[in-house]
Amino acid sequence: MTRLNVELLAADPVEPITSAGHAQLGIAVLAGIAVIVVLITRFKVHAFLALTIGSLALGAFAGAPLDKAIASFTTGLGTTVAGVGVLIALGAILGKLLADSGGADQIVDTILAKAGGRAMPWAMVLIASVIGLPLFFEVGIVLLIPVVLMVAKRGDYSLMRIGIPALAGLSVMHGLIPPHPGPLVAIDAVQANLGVTLALGLVVAIPTVIIAGPLFSKYAARWVDVPVPERMIPVRASEELEKRPGFGATIATVLLPVVLMLAKALVDIVVDDPENMVQRVFDVAGSPLIALLAAVIVGMFTLGRAAGFTKERLGSTVEKSLAPIAGILLIVGAGGGFKQTLIDSGVGQMILEISEDWSIPALVLAWLIAVAIRLATGSATVATISAAGLVAPLAADMSTTHTALLVLAIGAGSLFFSHVNDAGFWMVKEYFGMSVGQTIKTWSVMETIISVVAGAIVLLLSLII
């Protein structure tokens, strides 16, 4: 959490913008979410507009003055974009450099050259997890699916045996590991420590991806046996390049921001002295902005220049990486606006009081709320942002580790049972040439396994640490 974000959050209004009771607030929440769901699913309205309209509807049903509801929404939008907008942009640049330079293909080809037979599903998990760190989920699918199809075709493997592990690796990274948009926004909303969340996220992610990937793929391959759709195997971009960056340099570049952020978290625990020079250096170097910026700058040399990119080509790559994330930034920002409207209306305090009366563990409540919104909207990011806004007050008295686990519980719930209202569902269906029923048996079940297993591990960790 940056000092700017802390100041902005501290500036949030203390008094609710409405005097509505619990019953009216509950109806307002359901009405606001219903508006968002209907607009997205029934009328195919873009999530940015749906969240904007839903936020105003929430304020109206809660009896808040329109000007105060608008002020809450715009404050939340601005705070969220200020907190994570630059990080999303830097992640997009790094991902584009990785893809266009052939660095991603270099990772894939190197690992596949050393794997074979029974090791291949495990290799696909490793590839997807490493490549999925800096890439958005949709970009990762587009990048990895051709590899999955080629490996399955040339090695005569079951498509599900190879594809499910790759999809599991991408999905787990997307839902649990910063700097992906959902986890970043949740960290910002509940004021969690990013380094601790990243470290615990990796602890949760490893067993989750093993169970949902290589292990589940054995059953998925029995349930669904489809041929490789050759029409979906395109020429990889790196095949047009004269040279590609080295494997070691590529891996080092991708992992650089992760290492810096984890190092900061470790130094904070070991040194625990804000005035210590070592801790101050790592506080700067391990901040998400500096860590990602360093990776981008290093990547321009280790990825771009290593692939023979001219200065003009590097500039063009950076420019092209930013256009596709405009929609993501707007959705994330509007989600932050919706979150702030929830908080300012008093909904967060209502959730806090109800959870105390019902004696529902905060982590379970966070997971269930994220599951409900995911099932309704189909968007993991919208589910994460909305759930984080609802349960943010629960983090007030939590320890650093339990606040991080709250973020991970939300992320786990946001991945539950992807179905026909999720764009990812249709991407997987078309790329793999499956029917709707086959996609549910494989992709949807895999997502549910990820959600349940990750949620269970988060709960287990909460009892241990």
Protein backbone atom coordinates (compact mmCIF):
# COMPACT_ATOMS: atom_id res chain seq x y z
CA MET A 1 0.00 0.00 0.00
CA THR A 2 1.56 3.28 -1.08
CA ARG A 3 1.51 6.40 1.08
CA LEU A 4 -0.81 8.01 -1.50
CA ASN A 5 -3.35 5.22 -1.14
CA VAL A 6 -3.21 5.36 2.65
CA GLU A 7 -3.87 9.10 2.56
CA LEU A 8 -6.72 8.67 0.10
CA LEU A 9 -8.31 5.92 2.17
CA ALA A 10 -7.89 8.00 5.30
CA ALA A 11 -9.74 10.80 3.54
CA ASP A 12 -12.81 8.60 2.93
CA PRO A 13 -15.91 9.88 4.68
CA VAL A 14 -16.42 8.38 8.14
CA GLU A 15 -20.16 9.01 8.29
CA PRO A 16 -22.33 6.98 5.89
CA ILE A 17 -23.94 8.95 3.07
CA THR A 18 -27.30 7.45 4.00
CA SER A 19 -29.15 6.70 7.23
CA ALA A 20 -30.79 3.53 5.87
CA GLY A 21 -31.21 0.55 8.18
CA HIS A 22 -29.89 -2.95 7.59
CA ALA A 23 -33.00 -4.10 5.71
CA GLN A 24 -32.91 -1.21 3.25
CA LEU A 25 -29.14 -1.55 2.79
CA GLY A 26 -29.54 -5.28 2.14
CA ILE A 27 -32.18 -4.57 -0.51
CA ALA A 28 -29.94 -1.86 -1.98
CA VAL A 29 -27.00 -4.27 -2.29
CA LEU A 30 -29.13 -6.93 -3.96
CA ALA A 31 -30.68 -4.34 -6.28
CA GLY A 32 -27.30 -2.85 -7.21
CA ILE A 33 -25.77 -6.24 -7.94
CA ALA A 34 -28.93 -7.31 -9.80
CA VAL A 35 -28.67 -4.25 -12.05
CA ILE A 36 -25.04 -5.10 -12.84
CA VAL A 37 -25.84 -8.77 -13.51
CA VAL A 38 -28.84 -8.05 -15.76
CA LEU A 39 -26.98 -5.39 -17.75
CA ILE A 40 -23.96 -7.66 -18.31
CA THR A 41 -25.77 -10.96 -18.95
CA ARG A 42 -29.12 -9.97 -20.48
CA PHE A 43 -28.32 -6.77 -22.35
CA LYS A 44 -24.58 -7.44 -22.99
CA VAL A 45 -23.63 -4.01 -21.63
CA HIS A 46 -19.89 -3.46 -21.08
CA ALA A 47 -18.87 -4.13 -17.48
CA PHE A 48 -17.63 -0.53 -17.05
CA LEU A 49 -21.05 0.91 -17.82
CA ALA A 50 -22.81 -1.82 -15.84
CA LEU A 51 -20.72 -1.11 -12.73
CA THR A 52 -21.25 2.65 -13.10
CA ILE A 53 -25.03 2.33 -13.41
CA GLY A 54 -25.13 -0.33 -10.68
CA SER A 55 -23.25 1.95 -8.29
CA LEU A 56 -25.74 4.78 -8.81
CA ALA A 57 -28.63 2.32 -8.45
CA LEU A 58 -27.16 1.09 -5.17
CA GLY A 59 -26.95 4.64 -3.86
CA ALA A 60 -30.51 5.40 -4.96
CA PHE A 61 -31.98 2.28 -3.33
CA ALA A 62 -30.02 3.04 -0.15
CA GLY A 63 -31.61 6.49 -0.03
CA ALA A 64 -28.35 8.39 -0.56
CA PRO A 65 -28.45 11.87 -2.15
CA LEU A 66 -27.46 11.59 -5.81
CA ASP A 67 -24.60 14.07 -5.50
CA LYS A 68 -23.07 12.08 -2.61
CA ALA A 69 -23.47 8.77 -4.48
CA ILE A 70 -21.71 10.29 -7.49
CA ALA A 71 -18.94 11.69 -5.27
CA SER A 72 -18.42 8.25 -3.66
CA PHE A 73 -18.24 6.54 -7.05
CA THR A 74 -15.78 9.03 -8.56
CA THR A 75 -13.61 9.00 -5.41
CA GLY A 76 -13.44 5.22 -5.48
CA LEU A 77 -12.70 5.17 -9.20
CA GLY A 78 -9.89 7.70 -8.84
CA THR A 79 -8.36 6.02 -5.79
CA THR A 80 -8.38 2.60 -7.46
CA VAL A 81 -6.89 3.77 -10.74
CA ALA A 82 -4.26 5.76 -8.83
CA GLY A 83 -3.39 2.67 -6.82
CA VAL A 84 -3.25 -0.01 -9.50
CA GLY A 85 -3.60 1.66 -12.90
CA VAL A 86 0.13 2.19 -13.46
CA LEU A 87 0.87 -1.34 -12.23
CA ILE A 88 -1.58 -2.82 -14.74
CA ALA A 89 0.02 -0.75 -17.51
CA LEU A 90 3.54 -1.87 -16.55
CA GLY A 91 2.40 -5.50 -16.41
CA ALA A 92 0.90 -5.15 -19.88
CA ILE A 93 4.15 -3.73 -21.26
CA LEU A 94 6.21 -6.55 -19.75
CA GLY A 95 3.77 -9.13 -21.10
CA LYS A 96 3.88 -7.64 -24.58
CA LEU A 97 7.69 -7.60 -24.57
CA LEU A 98 7.68 -11.23 -23.45
CA ALA A 99 5.30 -12.27 -26.23
CA ASP A 100 6.62 -10.22 -29.16
CA SER A 101 10.32 -10.86 -28.51
CA GLY A 102 9.85 -14.61 -28.56
CA GLY A 103 10.81 -14.84 -24.88
CA ALA A 104 7.62 -16.73 -24.06
CA ASP A 105 8.27 -19.18 -26.88
CA GLN A 106 11.86 -19.61 -25.67
CA ILE A 107 10.57 -20.64 -22.22
CA VAL A 108 8.09 -23.04 -23.82
CA ASP A 109 10.54 -24.65 -26.22
CA THR A 110 13.30 -25.03 -23.62
CA ILE A 111 11.06 -26.72 -21.07
CA LEU A 112 9.35 -28.94 -23.65
CA ALA A 113 12.73 -30.06 -25.00
CA LYS A 114 13.55 -31.46 -21.56
CA ALA A 115 10.13 -33.00 -20.88
CA GLY A 116 8.26 -35.91 -22.36
CA GLY A 117 5.85 -38.70 -21.62
CA ARG A 118 4.34 -38.50 -18.15
CA ALA A 119 6.28 -35.32 -17.38
CA MET A 120 4.53 -33.34 -20.13
CA PRO A 121 1.44 -32.25 -18.09
CA TRP A 122 3.77 -31.06 -15.34
CA ALA A 123 5.84 -29.17 -17.89
CA MET A 124 2.69 -27.44 -19.16
CA VAL A 125 1.82 -26.33 -15.61
CA LEU A 126 5.31 -24.92 -15.16
CA ILE A 127 5.20 -23.10 -18.49
CA ALA A 128 1.77 -21.60 -17.86
CA SER A 129 2.60 -20.55 -14.30
CA VAL A 130 5.83 -18.78 -15.30
CA ILE A 131 4.36 -17.11 -18.37
CA GLY A 132 1.14 -16.33 -16.50
CA LEU A 133 2.93 -14.16 -13.91
CA PRO A 134 3.15 -11.00 -16.08
CA LEU A 135 0.33 -11.76 -18.55
CA PHE A 136 -3.39 -11.16 -18.33
CA PHE A 137 -5.44 -14.34 -18.52
CA GLU A 138 -6.85 -13.73 -22.00
CA VAL A 139 -3.39 -12.89 -23.38
CA GLY A 140 -1.97 -16.01 -21.76
CA ILE A 141 -4.62 -18.18 -23.40
CA VAL A 142 -3.94 -16.70 -26.83
CA LEU A 143 -0.21 -17.23 -26.33
CA LEU A 144 -0.32 -20.75 -24.89
CA ILE A 145 -3.17 -22.45 -26.76
CA PRO A 146 -1.13 -22.81 -30.01
CA VAL A 147 1.62 -24.48 -27.95
CA VAL A 148 -0.89 -26.81 -26.28
CA LEU A 149 -2.36 -27.80 -29.64
CA MET A 150 1.06 -28.39 -31.23
CA VAL A 151 2.33 -30.48 -28.30
CA ALA A 152 -0.83 -32.58 -28.27
CA LYS A 153 -0.67 -33.09 -32.04
CA ARG A 154 3.03 -33.87 -32.40
CA GLY A 155 3.31 -35.98 -29.25
CA ASP A 156 -0.03 -37.74 -29.78
CA TYR A 157 -1.22 -36.68 -26.32
CA SER A 158 -4.81 -36.29 -25.18
CA LEU A 159 -5.75 -32.64 -25.67
CA MET A 160 -7.24 -32.45 -22.17
CA ARG A 161 -4.15 -34.07 -20.61
CA ILE A 162 -2.04 -31.20 -21.95
CA GLY A 163 -4.59 -28.38 -22.03
CA ILE A 164 -6.05 -28.57 -18.51
CA PRO A 165 -2.66 -28.16 -16.75
CA ALA A 166 -1.87 -25.11 -18.90
CA LEU A 167 -5.28 -23.54 -18.19
CA ALA A 168 -4.94 -24.29 -14.48
CA GLY A 169 -1.57 -22.56 -14.30
CA LEU A 170 -2.93 -19.45 -16.02
CA SER A 171 -6.12 -19.33 -13.95
CA VAL A 172 -4.41 -19.72 -10.57
CA MET A 173 -1.95 -16.92 -11.39
CA HIS A 174 -4.83 -14.71 -12.55
CA GLY A 175 -6.93 -15.19 -9.42
CA LEU A 176 -4.36 -15.34 -6.62
CA ILE A 177 -1.07 -13.73 -7.56
CA PRO A 178 -0.32 -10.00 -7.93
CA PRO A 179 0.39 -8.07 -10.15
CA HIS A 180 -2.83 -9.33 -11.77
CA PRO A 181 -5.64 -6.71 -11.55
CA GLY A 182 -8.02 -8.61 -9.25
CA PRO A 183 -5.53 -9.39 -6.46
CA LEU A 184 -4.03 -5.89 -6.70
CA VAL A 185 -7.43 -4.22 -6.24
CA ALA A 186 -8.31 -6.54 -3.34
CA ILE A 187 -4.97 -5.78 -1.67
CA ASP A 188 -5.66 -2.08 -2.07
CA ALA A 189 -9.23 -2.38 -0.75
CA VAL A 190 -8.41 -4.24 2.47
CA GLN A 191 -5.01 -2.56 2.94
CA ALA A 192 -3.11 -5.85 2.83
CA ASN A 193 0.67 -6.14 2.61
CA LEU A 194 1.52 -6.96 -0.99
CA GLY A 195 4.70 -8.90 -0.26
CA VAL A 196 3.03 -11.09 2.37
CA THR A 197 0.04 -11.65 0.07
CA LEU A 198 2.37 -12.62 -2.77
CA ALA A 199 4.31 -15.05 -0.56
CA LEU A 200 1.17 -16.70 0.86
CA GLY A 201 -0.39 -16.66 -2.60
CA LEU A 202 2.47 -18.79 -3.90
CA VAL A 203 2.03 -21.18 -0.94
CA VAL A 204 -1.67 -21.56 -1.84
CA ALA A 205 -1.08 -21.64 -5.60
CA ILE A 206 1.40 -24.52 -5.79
CA PRO A 207 -0.75 -27.35 -4.33
CA THR A 208 -3.87 -25.86 -5.97
CA VAL A 209 -2.42 -25.90 -9.45
CA ILE A 210 -1.07 -29.44 -8.98
CA ILE A 211 -4.49 -30.79 -7.98
CA ALA A 212 -6.49 -28.84 -10.59
CA GLY A 213 -3.89 -29.32 -13.33
CA PRO A 214 -1.93 -32.57 -13.80
CA LEU A 215 -4.04 -34.61 -11.36
CA PHE A 216 -7.48 -33.51 -12.56
CA SER A 217 -6.40 -33.71 -16.23
CA LYS A 218 -6.28 -37.52 -15.92
CA TYR A 219 -10.03 -37.57 -15.29
CA ALA A 220 -10.80 -34.78 -17.75
CA ALA A 221 -9.07 -36.78 -20.50
CA ARG A 222 -11.34 -39.76 -19.75
CA TRP A 223 -14.50 -37.66 -19.70
CA VAL A 224 -13.77 -35.67 -22.86
CA ASP A 225 -11.75 -37.01 -25.79
CA VAL A 226 -11.66 -34.47 -28.62
CA PRO A 227 -9.26 -34.32 -31.57
CA VAL A 228 -6.85 -31.40 -31.92
CA PRO A 229 -8.56 -28.70 -34.06
CA GLU A 230 -5.77 -28.09 -36.55
CA ARG A 231 -7.46 -24.97 -37.90
CA MET A 232 -6.68 -23.31 -34.56
CA ILE A 233 -2.88 -23.84 -34.81
CA PRO A 234 -1.45 -20.51 -36.04
CA VAL A 235 2.15 -19.60 -36.81
CA ARG A 236 3.85 -18.36 -33.66
CA ALA A 237 5.12 -14.79 -33.81
CA SER A 238 8.67 -15.75 -32.87
CA GLU A 239 8.99 -17.92 -35.98
CA GLU A 240 9.28 -14.68 -37.95
CA LEU A 241 12.18 -13.43 -35.82
CA GLU A 242 15.82 -14.00 -36.70
CA LYS A 243 16.81 -14.46 -33.05
CA ARG A 244 15.21 -14.82 -29.63
CA PRO A 245 16.30 -13.89 -26.10
CA GLY A 246 18.03 -16.54 -24.01
CA PHE A 247 16.13 -18.79 -21.64
CA GLY A 248 17.99 -17.69 -18.50
CA ALA A 249 17.66 -13.98 -19.24
CA THR A 250 13.95 -14.37 -20.00
CA ILE A 251 13.23 -16.26 -16.78
CA ALA A 252 15.25 -13.75 -14.75
CA THR A 253 13.30 -10.85 -16.28
CA VAL A 254 9.89 -12.42 -15.64
CA LEU A 255 10.73 -13.31 -12.04
CA LEU A 256 12.50 -10.02 -11.21
CA PRO A 257 9.43 -8.17 -9.84
CA VAL A 258 8.36 -11.23 -7.85
CA VAL A 259 11.83 -11.58 -6.30
CA LEU A 260 12.00 -7.87 -5.42
CA MET A 261 8.55 -7.88 -3.78
CA LEU A 262 9.27 -11.08 -1.85
CA ALA A 263 12.65 -9.69 -0.74
CA LYS A 264 10.92 -6.58 0.61
CA ALA A 265 8.46 -8.74 2.58
CA LEU A 266 11.32 -10.83 4.00
CA VAL A 267 13.37 -7.79 5.02
CA ASP A 268 10.30 -6.23 6.66
CA ILE A 269 9.94 -9.36 8.82
CA VAL A 270 13.65 -9.86 9.63
CA VAL A 271 14.70 -6.24 10.16
CA ASP A 272 11.39 -4.70 11.29
CA ASP A 273 12.86 -1.21 11.68
CA PRO A 274 11.48 1.50 9.38
CA GLU A 275 14.56 3.67 10.06
CA ASN A 276 17.03 0.94 9.07
CA MET A 277 18.79 1.79 5.80
CA VAL A 278 18.54 -1.76 4.43
CA GLN A 279 14.80 -1.86 5.03
CA ARG A 280 14.35 1.59 3.49
CA VAL A 281 16.20 0.48 0.34
CA PHE A 282 14.08 -2.65 0.02
CA ASP A 283 10.91 -0.69 0.77
CA VAL A 284 11.63 1.28 -2.39
CA ALA A 285 13.05 -1.51 -4.57
CA GLY A 286 10.30 -3.94 -3.54
CA SER A 287 7.38 -1.58 -4.01
CA PRO A 288 5.14 -2.84 -6.86
CA LEU A 289 5.73 0.27 -8.97
CA ILE A 290 9.53 0.13 -8.80
CA ALA A 291 9.65 -3.68 -9.08
CA LEU A 292 7.55 -3.74 -12.24
CA LEU A 293 9.22 -0.65 -13.68
CA ALA A 294 12.63 -2.28 -13.15
CA ALA A 295 11.43 -5.43 -14.91
CA VAL A 296 10.14 -3.40 -17.87
CA ILE A 297 13.40 -1.47 -18.22
CA VAL A 298 15.48 -4.65 -17.91
CA GLY A 299 13.12 -6.40 -20.34
CA MET A 300 13.73 -3.79 -23.01
CA PHE A 301 17.33 -5.01 -23.10
CA THR A 302 17.08 -8.71 -22.16
CA LEU A 303 13.97 -9.29 -24.31
CA GLY A 304 13.55 -6.50 -26.86
CA ARG A 305 17.15 -5.71 -27.78
CA ALA A 306 18.10 -9.40 -27.52
CA ALA A 307 15.49 -10.13 -30.21
CA GLY A 308 16.98 -7.46 -32.43
CA PHE A 309 14.31 -4.82 -31.81
CA THR A 310 15.24 -1.30 -32.88
CA LYS A 311 14.36 1.70 -30.72
CA GLU A 312 11.38 2.30 -32.98
CA ARG A 313 10.20 -1.30 -32.64
CA LEU A 314 10.51 -1.10 -28.84
CA GLY A 315 8.49 2.10 -28.80
CA SER A 316 5.85 0.52 -31.01
CA THR A 317 5.66 -2.57 -28.76
CA VAL A 318 5.11 -0.42 -25.68
CA GLU A 319 2.45 1.63 -27.48
CA LYS A 320 0.58 -1.47 -28.70
CA SER A 321 0.62 -3.00 -25.22
CA LEU A 322 -1.34 -0.13 -23.69
CA ALA A 323 -4.34 0.05 -26.04
CA PRO A 324 -5.86 -3.36 -25.12
CA ILE A 325 -5.85 -2.58 -21.38
CA ALA A 326 -8.07 0.50 -21.65
CA GLY A 327 -11.16 -1.63 -21.04
CA ILE A 328 -9.52 -3.43 -18.12
CA LEU A 329 -8.53 -0.14 -16.47
CA LEU A 330 -12.06 1.22 -16.84
CA ILE A 331 -13.61 -1.95 -15.40
CA VAL A 332 -11.18 -1.96 -12.48
CA GLY A 333 -11.77 1.74 -11.88
CA ALA A 334 -15.56 1.39 -11.99
CA GLY A 335 -15.28 -1.60 -9.69
CA GLY A 336 -13.40 0.62 -7.26
CA GLY A 337 -16.19 3.16 -7.56
CA PHE A 338 -18.77 0.47 -6.77
CA LYS A 339 -16.66 -0.64 -3.80
CA GLN A 340 -16.49 2.90 -2.42
CA THR A 341 -20.24 3.37 -2.84
CA LEU A 342 -20.78 0.17 -0.85
CA ILE A 343 -18.48 1.39 1.91
CA ASP A 344 -19.84 4.95 2.07
CA SER A 345 -23.43 3.70 2.13
CA GLY A 346 -22.64 1.75 5.28
CA VAL A 347 -22.89 -1.67 3.63
CA GLY A 348 -19.43 -2.68 4.81
CA GLN A 349 -20.31 -1.89 8.41
CA MET A 350 -23.57 -3.81 7.98
CA ILE A 351 -21.66 -6.88 6.74
CA LEU A 352 -19.32 -6.56 9.74
CA GLU A 353 -22.22 -6.48 12.22
CA ILE A 354 -24.10 -9.33 10.52
CA SER A 355 -21.01 -11.53 10.40
CA GLU A 356 -20.56 -11.03 14.14
CA ASP A 357 -24.18 -12.02 14.80
CA TRP A 358 -23.99 -15.09 12.55
CA SER A 359 -20.50 -16.09 13.71
CA ILE A 360 -19.42 -16.71 10.10
CA PRO A 361 -15.62 -16.76 9.74
CA ALA A 362 -14.54 -13.72 7.75
CA LEU A 363 -12.58 -15.82 5.25
CA VAL A 364 -15.58 -18.06 4.54
CA LEU A 365 -17.86 -15.05 4.16
CA ALA A 366 -15.42 -13.40 1.73
CA TRP A 367 -15.18 -16.60 -0.32
CA LEU A 368 -18.97 -17.03 -0.46
CA ILE A 369 -19.61 -13.43 -1.53
CA ALA A 370 -17.00 -13.71 -4.30
CA VAL A 371 -18.54 -17.02 -5.44
CA ALA A 372 -22.01 -15.50 -5.63
CA ILE A 373 -20.87 -12.50 -7.69
CA ARG A 374 -18.71 -14.71 -9.94
CA LEU A 375 -21.66 -17.00 -10.69
CA ALA A 376 -23.88 -14.01 -11.40
CA THR A 377 -21.56 -11.84 -13.53
CA GLY A 378 -19.09 -14.35 -14.98
CA SER A 379 -16.19 -12.00 -14.29
CA ALA A 380 -13.49 -12.97 -11.80
CA THR A 381 -12.25 -9.38 -11.70
CA VAL A 382 -15.71 -7.92 -11.00
CA ALA A 383 -16.27 -10.58 -8.32
CA THR A 384 -12.95 -9.77 -6.65
CA ILE A 385 -13.46 -6.01 -6.69
CA SER A 386 -17.05 -6.16 -5.43
CA ALA A 387 -16.36 -8.74 -2.73
CA ALA A 388 -13.31 -6.79 -1.52
CA GLY A 389 -15.46 -3.69 -1.10
CA LEU A 390 -18.08 -5.60 0.87
CA VAL A 391 -15.70 -7.31 3.31
CA ALA A 392 -13.07 -4.56 3.65
CA PRO A 393 -14.25 -3.58 7.19
CA LEU A 394 -13.63 -7.16 8.35
CA ALA A 395 -9.90 -6.57 7.88
CA ALA A 396 -9.75 -3.72 10.39
CA ASP A 397 -8.69 -5.87 13.36
CA MET A 398 -6.88 -8.59 11.42
CA SER A 399 -3.17 -9.36 11.56
CA THR A 400 -0.99 -8.80 8.50
CA THR A 401 -1.08 -12.48 7.54
CA HIS A 402 -4.84 -12.85 8.00
CA THR A 403 -5.49 -9.72 5.94
CA ALA A 404 -3.42 -11.30 3.16
CA LEU A 405 -5.43 -14.53 3.53
CA LEU A 406 -8.64 -12.48 3.21
CA VAL A 407 -7.42 -11.29 -0.19
CA LEU A 408 -6.65 -14.88 -1.21
CA ALA A 409 -10.06 -16.10 -0.01
CA ILE A 410 -11.70 -13.49 -2.24
CA GLY A 411 -9.47 -14.47 -5.17
CA ALA A 412 -10.28 -18.15 -4.68
CA GLY A 413 -14.02 -17.48 -4.61
CA SER A 414 -13.80 -15.34 -7.76
CA LEU A 415 -12.71 -18.39 -9.82
CA PHE A 416 -15.67 -20.64 -8.92
CA PHE A 417 -17.47 -22.48 -11.77
CA SER A 418 -16.92 -20.45 -14.93
CA HIS A 419 -19.94 -20.95 -17.21
CA VAL A 420 -21.74 -19.41 -20.18
CA ASN A 421 -21.63 -15.81 -18.90
CA ASP A 422 -17.81 -15.84 -18.78
CA ALA A 423 -15.81 -14.81 -21.84
CA GLY A 424 -13.05 -17.24 -20.82
CA PHE A 425 -15.54 -20.12 -21.08
CA TRP A 426 -16.18 -19.37 -24.76
CA MET A 427 -12.49 -18.81 -25.54
CA VAL A 428 -11.61 -22.27 -24.17
CA LYS A 429 -14.59 -23.88 -25.94
CA GLU A 430 -13.67 -22.45 -29.36
CA TYR A 431 -9.91 -22.98 -29.12
CA PHE A 432 -10.32 -26.62 -28.07
CA GLY A 433 -13.22 -27.32 -30.41
CA MET A 434 -15.50 -28.59 -27.63
CA SER A 435 -19.26 -28.49 -27.12
CA VAL A 436 -20.81 -26.51 -24.26
CA GLY A 437 -21.31 -29.73 -22.26
CA GLN A 438 -17.71 -30.82 -22.79
CA THR A 439 -16.44 -27.39 -21.75
CA ILE A 440 -18.45 -27.58 -18.51
CA LYS A 441 -17.07 -31.09 -17.77
CA THR A 442 -13.50 -29.89 -18.16
CA TRP A 443 -12.93 -26.14 -17.89
CA SER A 444 -15.83 -25.34 -15.51
CA VAL A 445 -15.03 -28.25 -13.20
CA MET A 446 -11.33 -27.30 -13.22
CA GLU A 447 -12.18 -23.73 -12.17
CA THR A 448 -14.38 -25.06 -9.36
CA ILE A 449 -11.59 -27.33 -8.13
CA ILE A 450 -9.20 -24.37 -8.08
CA SER A 451 -11.70 -22.28 -6.10
CA VAL A 452 -12.53 -24.96 -3.53
CA VAL A 453 -8.97 -26.24 -3.03
CA ALA A 454 -7.50 -22.73 -2.75
CA GLY A 455 -10.25 -21.71 -0.34
CA ALA A 456 -9.62 -24.78 1.82
CA ILE A 457 -5.87 -24.14 1.91
CA VAL A 458 -6.48 -20.51 2.90
CA LEU A 459 -8.66 -21.68 5.79
CA LEU A 460 -6.04 -24.21 6.85
CA LEU A 461 -3.33 -21.57 6.81
CA SER A 462 -5.51 -19.27 8.92
CA LEU A 463 -5.49 -21.93 11.66
CA ILE A 464 -1.72 -22.36 11.49
CA ILE A 465 -0.34 -18.81 11.20
